[in-house]
Amino acid sequence: MRVSIKVRLFASMRDHAGVKDADVQGKNVGEVLDSLVNAYPLLKTQIFKEDGDLLPHVRVLLNGIAISDLDTELKIGDEIAVFPPVGGG
C-alpha cells in the first residue's frame, strides 16, 4: 500500500530541491525516493547513479535510523531524511 511520507532534505539537497521538506508517496523507500526525484528532478543526480542505484555517499535515514535497503516497507507516520556527503576537516 502506498503511503504519504515526509522526506526531509539537508544541505545541498535542500538547495537542489528548493525545499527543506517534501511530501511524496510510495510503498517502500525506493518508491519514495523515485517520487522525490520525479517531483524535484535536480535531485536525481544527487541521489542516484546512472544505473538507478543509490550513490554510495548518500545517507538515507528512516525514522532516524540509517538504512541501505531501498525495499524497506513504509507505514503511515514514517519519516525519511536524505543527507548528501558531509565534508569536514
PDB file of N, CA and C in Angstrom:
ATOM      1  N   MET A   1       0.838  -1.178   0.000  1.00  0.00           N
ATOM      2  CA  MET A   1       0.000   0.000   0.000  1.00  0.00           C
ATOM      3  C   MET A   1       0.886   1.247   0.000  1.00  0.00           C
ATOM      4  N   ARG A   2       0.612   2.149  -0.909  1.00  0.00           N
ATOM      5  CA  ARG A   2       1.347   3.414  -0.968  1.00  0.00           C
ATOM      6  C   ARG A   2       0.870   4.325   0.148  1.00  0.00           C
ATOM      7  N   VAL A   3       1.830   4.954   0.822  1.00  0.00           N
ATOM      8  CA  VAL A   3       1.504   5.894   1.889  1.00  0.00           C
ATOM      9  C   VAL A   3       2.201   7.219   1.617  1.00  0.00           C
ATOM     10  N   SER A   4       1.672   8.282   2.198  1.00  0.00           N
ATOM     11  CA  SER A   4       2.294   9.591   2.089  1.00  0.00           C
ATOM     12  C   SER A   4       3.383   9.693   3.148  1.00  0.00           C
ATOM     13  N   ILE A   5       4.580  10.074   2.718  1.00  0.00           N
ATOM     14  CA  ILE A   5       5.748  10.118   3.592  1.00  0.00           C
ATOM     15  C   ILE A   5       6.380  11.502   3.520  1.00  0.00           C
ATOM     16  N   LYS A   6       6.780  12.031   4.677  1.00  0.00           N
ATOM     17  CA  LYS A   6       7.530  13.281   4.703  1.00  0.00           C
ATOM     18  C   LYS A   6       9.005  12.947   4.521  1.00  0.00           C
ATOM     19  N   VAL A   7       9.628  13.616   3.560  1.00  0.00           N
ATOM     20  CA  VAL A   7      11.056  13.463   3.311  1.00  0.00           C
ATOM     21  C   VAL A   7      11.724  14.778   3.676  1.00  0.00           C
ATOM     22  N   ARG A   8      12.694  14.698   4.573  1.00  0.00           N
ATOM     23  CA  ARG A   8      13.448  15.872   4.994  1.00  0.00           C
ATOM     24  C   ARG A   8      14.767  15.896   4.229  1.00  0.00           C
ATOM     25  N   LEU A   9      15.087  17.051   3.680  1.00  0.00           N
ATOM     26  CA  LEU A   9      16.305  17.217   2.885  1.00  0.00           C
ATOM     27  C   LEU A   9      17.276  18.119   3.631  1.00  0.00           C
ATOM     28  N   PHE A  10      18.569  17.847   3.478  1.00  0.00           N
ATOM     29  CA  PHE A  10      19.580  18.601   4.191  1.00  0.00           C
ATOM     30  C   PHE A  10      20.660  19.112   3.248  1.00  0.00           C
ATOM     31  N   ALA A  11      21.282  20.217   3.649  1.00  0.00           N
ATOM     32  CA  ALA A  11      22.426  20.831   2.972  1.00  0.00           C
ATOM     33  C   ALA A  11      22.160  21.032   1.478  1.00  0.00           C
ATOM     34  N   SER A  12      23.038  20.525   0.626  1.00  0.00           N
ATOM     35  CA  SER A  12      22.904  20.766  -0.816  1.00  0.00           C
ATOM     36  C   SER A  12      21.637  20.140  -1.395  1.00  0.00           C
ATOM     37  N   MET A  13      21.104  19.119  -0.736  1.00  0.00           N
ATOM     38  CA  MET A  13      19.838  18.528  -1.213  1.00  0.00           C
ATOM     39  C   MET A  13      18.726  19.580  -1.175  1.00  0.00           C
ATOM     40  N   ARG A  14      18.694  20.363  -0.103  1.00  0.00           N
ATOM     41  CA  ARG A  14      17.711  21.455   0.006  1.00  0.00           C
ATOM     42  C   ARG A  14      17.906  22.458  -1.119  1.00  0.00           C
ATOM     43  N   ASP A  15      19.167  22.792  -1.395  1.00  0.00           N
ATOM     44  CA  ASP A  15      19.453  23.768  -2.444  1.00  0.00           C
ATOM     45  C   ASP A  15      18.956  23.291  -3.805  1.00  0.00           C
ATOM     46  N   HIS A  16      19.190  22.019  -4.113  1.00  0.00           N
ATOM     47  CA  HIS A  16      18.774  21.482  -5.412  1.00  0.00           C
ATOM     48  C   HIS A  16      17.252  21.377  -5.531  1.00  0.00           C
ATOM     49  N   ALA A  17      16.584  21.058  -4.447  1.00  0.00           N
ATOM     50  CA  ALA A  17      15.124  20.909  -4.490  1.00  0.00           C
ATOM     51  C   ALA A  17      14.405  22.235  -4.290  1.00  0.00           C
ATOM     52  N   GLY A  18      15.033  23.149  -3.561  1.00  0.00           N
ATOM     53  CA  GLY A  18      14.380  24.416  -3.249  1.00  0.00           C
ATOM     54  C   GLY A  18      13.391  24.307  -2.094  1.00  0.00           C
ATOM     55  N   VAL A  19      13.399  23.169  -1.407  1.00  0.00           N
ATOM     56  CA  VAL A  19      12.526  22.951  -0.242  1.00  0.00           C
ATOM     57  C   VAL A  19      13.310  22.176   0.809  1.00  0.00           C
ATOM     58  N   LYS A  20      12.877  22.294   2.073  1.00  0.00           N
ATOM     59  CA  LYS A  20      13.539  21.506   3.117  1.00  0.00           C
ATOM     60  C   LYS A  20      12.785  20.222   3.423  1.00  0.00           C
ATOM     61  N   ASP A  21      11.495  20.197   3.120  1.00  0.00           N
ATOM     62  CA  ASP A  21      10.658  19.010   3.326  1.00  0.00           C
ATOM     63  C   ASP A  21       9.804  18.792   2.093  1.00  0.00           C
ATOM     64  N   ALA A  22       9.521  17.527   1.806  1.00  0.00           N
ATOM     65  CA  ALA A  22       8.632  17.191   0.693  1.00  0.00           C
ATOM     66  C   ALA A  22       7.730  16.052   1.137  1.00  0.00           C
ATOM     67  N   ASP A  23       6.482  16.096   0.727  1.00  0.00           N
ATOM     68  CA  ASP A  23       5.554  15.006   0.985  1.00  0.00           C
ATOM     69  C   ASP A  23       5.351  14.244  -0.314  1.00  0.00           C
ATOM     70  N   VAL A  24       5.772  12.979  -0.317  1.00  0.00           N
ATOM     71  CA  VAL A  24       5.646  12.136  -1.504  1.00  0.00           C
ATOM     72  C   VAL A  24       5.079  10.780  -1.102  1.00  0.00           C
ATOM     73  N   GLN A  25       4.723   9.975  -2.092  1.00  0.00           N
ATOM     74  CA  GLN A  25       4.106   8.686  -1.800  1.00  0.00           C
ATOM     75  C   GLN A  25       4.941   7.533  -2.299  1.00  0.00           C
ATOM     76  N   GLY A  26       4.771   6.403  -1.631  1.00  0.00           N
ATOM     77  CA  GLY A  26       5.429   5.177  -2.042  1.00  0.00           C
ATOM     78  C   GLY A  26       5.129   4.072  -1.060  1.00  0.00           C
ATOM     79  N   LYS A  27       5.355   2.826  -1.482  1.00  0.00           N
ATOM     80  CA  LYS A  27       5.139   1.697  -0.570  1.00  0.00           C
ATOM     81  C   LYS A  27       6.428   1.292   0.128  1.00  0.00           C
ATOM     82  N   ASN A  28       7.580   1.706  -0.451  1.00  0.00           N
ATOM     83  CA  ASN A  28       8.869   1.415   0.167  1.00  0.00           C
ATOM     84  C   ASN A  28       9.800   2.612  -0.050  1.00  0.00           C
ATOM     85  N   VAL A  29      10.977   2.552   0.541  1.00  0.00           N
ATOM     86  CA  VAL A  29      11.910   3.676   0.494  1.00  0.00           C
ATOM     87  C   VAL A  29      12.297   4.010  -0.947  1.00  0.00           C
ATOM     88  N   GLY A  30      12.548   3.000  -1.755  1.00  0.00           N
ATOM     89  CA  GLY A  30      12.922   3.235  -3.149  1.00  0.00           C
ATOM     90  C   GLY A  30      11.849   3.987  -3.926  1.00  0.00           C
ATOM     91  N   GLU A  31      10.582   3.602  -3.735  1.00  0.00           N
ATOM     92  CA  GLU A  31       9.489   4.296  -4.425  1.00  0.00           C
ATOM     93  C   GLU A  31       9.372   5.742  -3.960  1.00  0.00           C
ATOM     94  N   VAL A  32       9.580   5.972  -2.683  1.00  0.00           N
ATOM     95  CA  VAL A  32       9.532   7.340  -2.169  1.00  0.00           C
ATOM     96  C   VAL A  32      10.645   8.179  -2.782  1.00  0.00           C
ATOM     97  N   LEU A  33      11.850   7.625  -2.863  1.00  0.00           N
ATOM     98  CA  LEU A  33      12.952   8.365  -3.475  1.00  0.00           C
ATOM     99  C   LEU A  33      12.697   8.612  -4.963  1.00  0.00           C
ATOM    100  N   ASP A  34      12.105   7.633  -5.644  1.00  0.00           N
ATOM    101  CA  ASP A  34      11.733   7.831  -7.054  1.00  0.00           C
ATOM    102  C   ASP A  34      10.707   8.955  -7.185  1.00  0.00           C
ATOM    103  N   SER A  35       9.707   8.956  -6.306  1.00  0.00           N
ATOM    104  CA  SER A  35       8.692  10.019  -6.319  1.00  0.00           C
ATOM    105  C   SER A  35       9.329  11.371  -6.034  1.00  0.00           C
ATOM    106  N   LEU A  36      10.310  11.375  -5.134  1.00  0.00           N
ATOM    107  CA  LEU A  36      11.001  12.615  -4.788  1.00  0.00           C
ATOM    108  C   LEU A  36      11.730  13.187  -5.999  1.00  0.00           C
ATOM    109  N   VAL A  37      12.477  12.357  -6.717  1.00  0.00           N
ATOM    110  CA  VAL A  37      13.226  12.869  -7.869  1.00  0.00           C
ATOM    111  C   VAL A  37      12.299  13.195  -9.044  1.00  0.00           C
ATOM    112  N   ASN A  38      11.131  12.559  -9.107  1.00  0.00           N
ATOM    113  CA  ASN A  38      10.152  12.948 -10.126  1.00  0.00           C
ATOM    114  C   ASN A  38       9.605  14.338  -9.826  1.00  0.00           C
ATOM    115  N   ALA A  39       9.399  14.639  -8.553  1.00  0.00           N
ATOM    116  CA  ALA A  39       8.886  15.947  -8.161  1.00  0.00           C
ATOM    117  C   ALA A  39       9.973  17.029  -8.220  1.00  0.00           C
ATOM    118  N   TYR A  40      11.213  16.631  -7.955  1.00  0.00           N
ATOM    119  CA  TYR A  40      12.346  17.563  -7.920  1.00  0.00           C
ATOM    120  C   TYR A  40      13.486  16.974  -8.747  1.00  0.00           C
ATOM    121  N   PRO A  41      13.411  17.094 -10.077  1.00  0.00           N
ATOM    122  CA  PRO A  41      14.363  16.424 -10.977  1.00  0.00           C
ATOM    123  C   PRO A  41      15.833  16.746 -10.735  1.00  0.00           C
ATOM    124  N   LEU A  42      16.151  17.902 -10.188  1.00  0.00           N
ATOM    125  CA  LEU A  42      17.556  18.232  -9.938  1.00  0.00           C
ATOM    126  C   LEU A  42      18.177  17.341  -8.863  1.00  0.00           C
ATOM    127  N   LEU A  43      17.357  16.649  -8.099  1.00  0.00           N
ATOM    128  CA  LEU A  43      17.869  15.744  -7.076  1.00  0.00           C
ATOM    129  C   LEU A  43      18.350  14.405  -7.634  1.00  0.00           C
ATOM    130  N   LYS A  44      17.922  14.072  -8.838  1.00  0.00           N
ATOM    131  CA  LYS A  44      18.225  12.738  -9.372  1.00  0.00           C
ATOM    132  C   LYS A  44      19.722  12.432  -9.357  1.00  0.00           C
ATOM    133  N   THR A  45      20.529  13.336  -9.865  1.00  0.00           N
ATOM    134  CA  THR A  45      21.975  13.085  -9.906  1.00  0.00           C
ATOM    135  C   THR A  45      22.635  13.252  -8.542  1.00  0.00           C
ATOM    136  N   GLN A  46      21.901  13.788  -7.583  1.00  0.00           N
ATOM    137  CA  GLN A  46      22.413  13.945  -6.233  1.00  0.00           C
ATOM    138  C   GLN A  46      22.153  12.705  -5.381  1.00  0.00           C
ATOM    139  N   ILE A  47      21.196  11.867  -5.821  1.00  0.00           N
ATOM    140  CA  ILE A  47      20.785  10.701  -5.041  1.00  0.00           C
ATOM    141  C   ILE A  47      21.140   9.381  -5.729  1.00  0.00           C
ATOM    142  N   PHE A  48      20.956   9.331  -7.049  1.00  0.00           N
ATOM    143  CA  PHE A  48      21.116   8.068  -7.777  1.00  0.00           C
ATOM    144  C   PHE A  48      22.260   8.095  -8.780  1.00  0.00           C
ATOM    145  N   LYS A  49      22.885   6.934  -8.970  1.00  0.00           N
ATOM    146  CA  LYS A  49      23.843   6.736 -10.060  1.00  0.00           C
ATOM    147  C   LYS A  49      23.038   6.573 -11.355  1.00  0.00           C
ATOM    148  N   GLU A  50      23.726   6.579 -12.481  1.00  0.00           N
ATOM    149  CA  GLU A  50      23.042   6.431 -13.769  1.00  0.00           C
ATOM    150  C   GLU A  50      22.285   5.119 -13.884  1.00  0.00           C
ATOM    151  N   ASP A  51      22.767   4.063 -13.210  1.00  0.00           N
ATOM    152  CA  ASP A  51      22.091   2.769 -13.277  1.00  0.00           C
ATOM    153  C   ASP A  51      20.893   2.666 -12.319  1.00  0.00           C
ATOM    154  N   GLY A  52      20.623   3.746 -11.574  1.00  0.00           N
ATOM    155  CA  GLY A  52      19.471   3.752 -10.678  1.00  0.00           C
ATOM    156  C   GLY A  52      19.774   3.352  -9.248  1.00  0.00           C
ATOM    157  N   ASP A  53      21.001   2.903  -8.992  1.00  0.00           N
ATOM    158  CA  ASP A  53      21.392   2.571  -7.621  1.00  0.00           C
ATOM    159  C   ASP A  53      21.655   3.847  -6.833  1.00  0.00           C
ATOM    160  N   LEU A  54      21.505   3.761  -5.537  1.00  0.00           N
ATOM    161  CA  LEU A  54      21.785   4.879  -4.649  1.00  0.00           C
ATOM    162  C   LEU A  54      23.275   5.202  -4.688  1.00  0.00           C
ATOM    163  N   LEU A  55      23.610   6.476  -4.764  1.00  0.00           N
ATOM    164  CA  LEU A  55      25.013   6.874  -4.701  1.00  0.00           C
ATOM    165  C   LEU A  55      25.590   6.444  -3.359  1.00  0.00           C
ATOM    166  N   PRO A  56      26.825   5.968  -3.347  1.00  0.00           N
ATOM    167  CA  PRO A  56      27.388   5.428  -2.100  1.00  0.00           C
ATOM    168  C   PRO A  56      27.556   6.451  -0.985  1.00  0.00           C
ATOM    169  N   HIS A  57      27.683   7.719  -1.319  1.00  0.00           N
ATOM    170  CA  HIS A  57      27.906   8.731  -0.300  1.00  0.00           C
ATOM    171  C   HIS A  57      26.609   9.323   0.270  1.00  0.00           C
ATOM    172  N   VAL A  58      25.470   8.972  -0.301  1.00  0.00           N
ATOM    173  CA  VAL A  58      24.184   9.485   0.176  1.00  0.00           C
ATOM    174  C   VAL A  58      23.713   8.641   1.357  1.00  0.00           C
ATOM    175  N   ARG A  59      23.254   9.296   2.405  1.00  0.00           N
ATOM    176  CA  ARG A  59      22.736   8.607   3.588  1.00  0.00           C
ATOM    177  C   ARG A  59      21.227   8.802   3.664  1.00  0.00           C
ATOM    178  N   VAL A  60      20.526   7.690   3.836  1.00  0.00           N
ATOM    179  CA  VAL A  60      19.080   7.710   3.974  1.00  0.00           C
ATOM    180  C   VAL A  60      18.741   7.187   5.367  1.00  0.00           C
ATOM    181  N   LEU A  61      17.958   7.963   6.102  1.00  0.00           N
ATOM    182  CA  LEU A  61      17.515   7.553   7.429  1.00  0.00           C
ATOM    183  C   LEU A  61      16.008   7.366   7.414  1.00  0.00           C
ATOM    184  N   LEU A  62      15.569   6.289   8.016  1.00  0.00           N
ATOM    185  CA  LEU A  62      14.141   6.033   8.191  1.00  0.00           C
ATOM    186  C   LEU A  62      13.862   6.126   9.680  1.00  0.00           C
ATOM    187  N   ASN A  63      13.077   7.113  10.041  1.00  0.00           N
ATOM    188  CA  ASN A  63      12.768   7.359  11.455  1.00  0.00           C
ATOM    189  C   ASN A  63      14.033   7.463  12.299  1.00  0.00           C
ATOM    190  N   GLY A  64      15.058   8.114  11.736  1.00  0.00           N
ATOM    191  CA  GLY A  64      16.287   8.363  12.463  1.00  0.00           C
ATOM    192  C   GLY A  64      17.319   7.253  12.420  1.00  0.00           C
ATOM    193  N   ILE A  65      17.034   6.166  11.715  1.00  0.00           N
ATOM    194  CA  ILE A  65      17.957   5.026  11.643  1.00  0.00           C
ATOM    195  C   ILE A  65      18.445   4.873  10.203  1.00  0.00           C
ATOM    196  N   ALA A  66      19.770   4.833  10.036  1.00  0.00           N
ATOM    197  CA  ALA A  66      20.350   4.683   8.699  1.00  0.00           C
ATOM    198  C   ALA A  66      19.952   3.346   8.094  1.00  0.00           C
ATOM    199  N   ILE A  67      19.551   3.395   6.825  1.00  0.00           N
ATOM    200  CA  ILE A  67      19.185   2.174   6.107  1.00  0.00           C
ATOM    201  C   ILE A  67      19.868   2.162   4.750  1.00  0.00           C
ATOM    202  N   SER A  68      20.001   0.974   4.184  1.00  0.00           N
ATOM    203  CA  SER A  68      20.552   0.851   2.837  1.00  0.00           C
ATOM    204  C   SER A  68      19.632   0.046   1.927  1.00  0.00           C
ATOM    205  N   ASP A  69      18.654  -0.638   2.504  1.00  0.00           N
ATOM    206  CA  ASP A  69      17.728  -1.465   1.731  1.00  0.00           C
ATOM    207  C   ASP A  69      16.555  -0.613   1.253  1.00  0.00           C
ATOM    208  N   LEU A  70      16.562  -0.278  -0.032  1.00  0.00           N
ATOM    209  CA  LEU A  70      15.508   0.569  -0.584  1.00  0.00           C
ATOM    210  C   LEU A  70      14.165  -0.158  -0.687  1.00  0.00           C
ATOM    211  N   ASP A  71      14.153  -1.466  -0.466  1.00  0.00           N
ATOM    212  CA  ASP A  71      12.900  -2.225  -0.476  1.00  0.00           C
ATOM    213  C   ASP A  71      12.196  -2.202   0.883  1.00  0.00           C
ATOM    214  N   THR A  72      12.760  -1.483   1.851  1.00  0.00           N
ATOM    215  CA  THR A  72      12.156  -1.398   3.179  1.00  0.00           C
ATOM    216  C   THR A  72      10.749  -0.825   3.072  1.00  0.00           C
ATOM    217  N   GLU A  73       9.777  -1.591   3.546  1.00  0.00           N
ATOM    218  CA  GLU A  73       8.370  -1.177   3.501  1.00  0.00           C
ATOM    219  C   GLU A  73       8.123   0.000   4.440  1.00  0.00           C
ATOM    220  N   LEU A  74       7.170   0.845   4.070  1.00  0.00           N
ATOM    221  CA  LEU A  74       6.835   2.021   4.863  1.00  0.00           C
ATOM    222  C   LEU A  74       5.420   1.928   5.405  1.00  0.00           C
ATOM    223  N   LYS A  75       5.195   2.655   6.499  1.00  0.00           N
ATOM    224  CA  LYS A  75       3.855   2.727   7.078  1.00  0.00           C
ATOM    225  C   LYS A  75       3.527   4.186   7.369  1.00  0.00           C
ATOM    226  N   ILE A  76       2.277   4.464   7.581  1.00  0.00           N
ATOM    227  CA  ILE A  76       1.832   5.819   7.881  1.00  0.00           C
ATOM    228  C   ILE A  76       2.596   6.336   9.102  1.00  0.00           C
ATOM    229  N   GLY A  77       3.077   7.554   9.004  1.00  0.00           N
ATOM    230  CA  GLY A  77       3.810   8.173  10.104  1.00  0.00           C
ATOM    231  C   GLY A  77       5.316   8.066   9.986  1.00  0.00           C
ATOM    232  N   ASP A  78       5.823   7.231   9.051  1.00  0.00           N
ATOM    233  CA  ASP A  78       7.264   7.128   8.850  1.00  0.00           C
ATOM    234  C   ASP A  78       7.799   8.441   8.278  1.00  0.00           C
ATOM    235  N   GLU A  79       9.069   8.703   8.544  1.00  0.00           N
ATOM    236  CA  GLU A  79       9.725   9.887   8.006  1.00  0.00           C
ATOM    237  C   GLU A  79      11.101   9.492   7.487  1.00  0.00           C
ATOM    238  N   ILE A  80      11.441  10.032   6.330  1.00  0.00           N
ATOM    239  CA  ILE A  80      12.731   9.754   5.703  1.00  0.00           C
ATOM    240  C   ILE A  80      13.545  11.031   5.692  1.00  0.00           C
ATOM    241  N   ALA A  81      14.837  10.910   5.968  1.00  0.00           N
ATOM    242  CA  ALA A  81      15.766  12.028   5.844  1.00  0.00           C
ATOM    243  C   ALA A  81      16.848  11.619   4.844  1.00  0.00           C
ATOM    244  N   VAL A  82      17.240  12.559   3.987  1.00  0.00           N
ATOM    245  CA  VAL A  82      18.250  12.280   2.968  1.00  0.00           C
ATOM    246  C   VAL A  82      19.389  13.284   3.147  1.00  0.00           C
ATOM    247  N   PHE A  83      20.598  12.757   3.332  1.00  0.00           N
ATOM    248  CA  PHE A  83      21.778  13.568   3.568  1.00  0.00           C
ATOM    249  C   PHE A  83      22.783  13.409   2.422  1.00  0.00           C
ATOM    250  N   PRO A  84      23.327  14.503   1.938  1.00  0.00           N
ATOM    251  CA  PRO A  84      24.413  14.424   0.962  1.00  0.00           C
ATOM    252  C   PRO A  84      25.710  14.117   1.688  1.00  0.00           C
ATOM    253  N   PRO A  85      26.807  13.979   0.957  1.00  0.00           N
ATOM    254  CA  PRO A  85      28.091  13.760   1.630  1.00  0.00           C
ATOM    255  C   PRO A  85      28.396  14.958   2.532  1.00  0.00           C
ATOM    256  N   VAL A  86      29.014  14.667   3.647  1.00  0.00           N
ATOM    257  CA  VAL A  86      29.370  15.730   4.587  1.00  0.00           C
ATOM    258  C   VAL A  86      30.886  15.843   4.617  1.00  0.00           C
ATOM    259  N   GLY A  87      31.348  17.042   4.361  1.00  0.00           N
ATOM    260  CA  GLY A  87      32.789  17.274   4.411  1.00  0.00           C
ATOM    261  C   GLY A  87      33.186  17.863   5.745  1.00  0.00           C
ATOM    262  N   GLY A  88      34.402  17.813   6.018  1.00  0.00           N
ATOM    263  CA  GLY A  88      34.903  18.392   7.262  1.00  0.00           C
ATOM    264  C   GLY A  88      36.405  18.360   7.259  1.00  0.00           C
ATOM    265  N   GLY A  89      36.929  18.847   8.294  1.00  0.00           N
ATOM    266  CA  GLY A  89      38.373  18.768   8.332  1.00  0.00           C
ATOM    267  C   GLY A  89      38.934  19.671   9.267  1.00  0.00           C
TER     268      GLY A  89
END
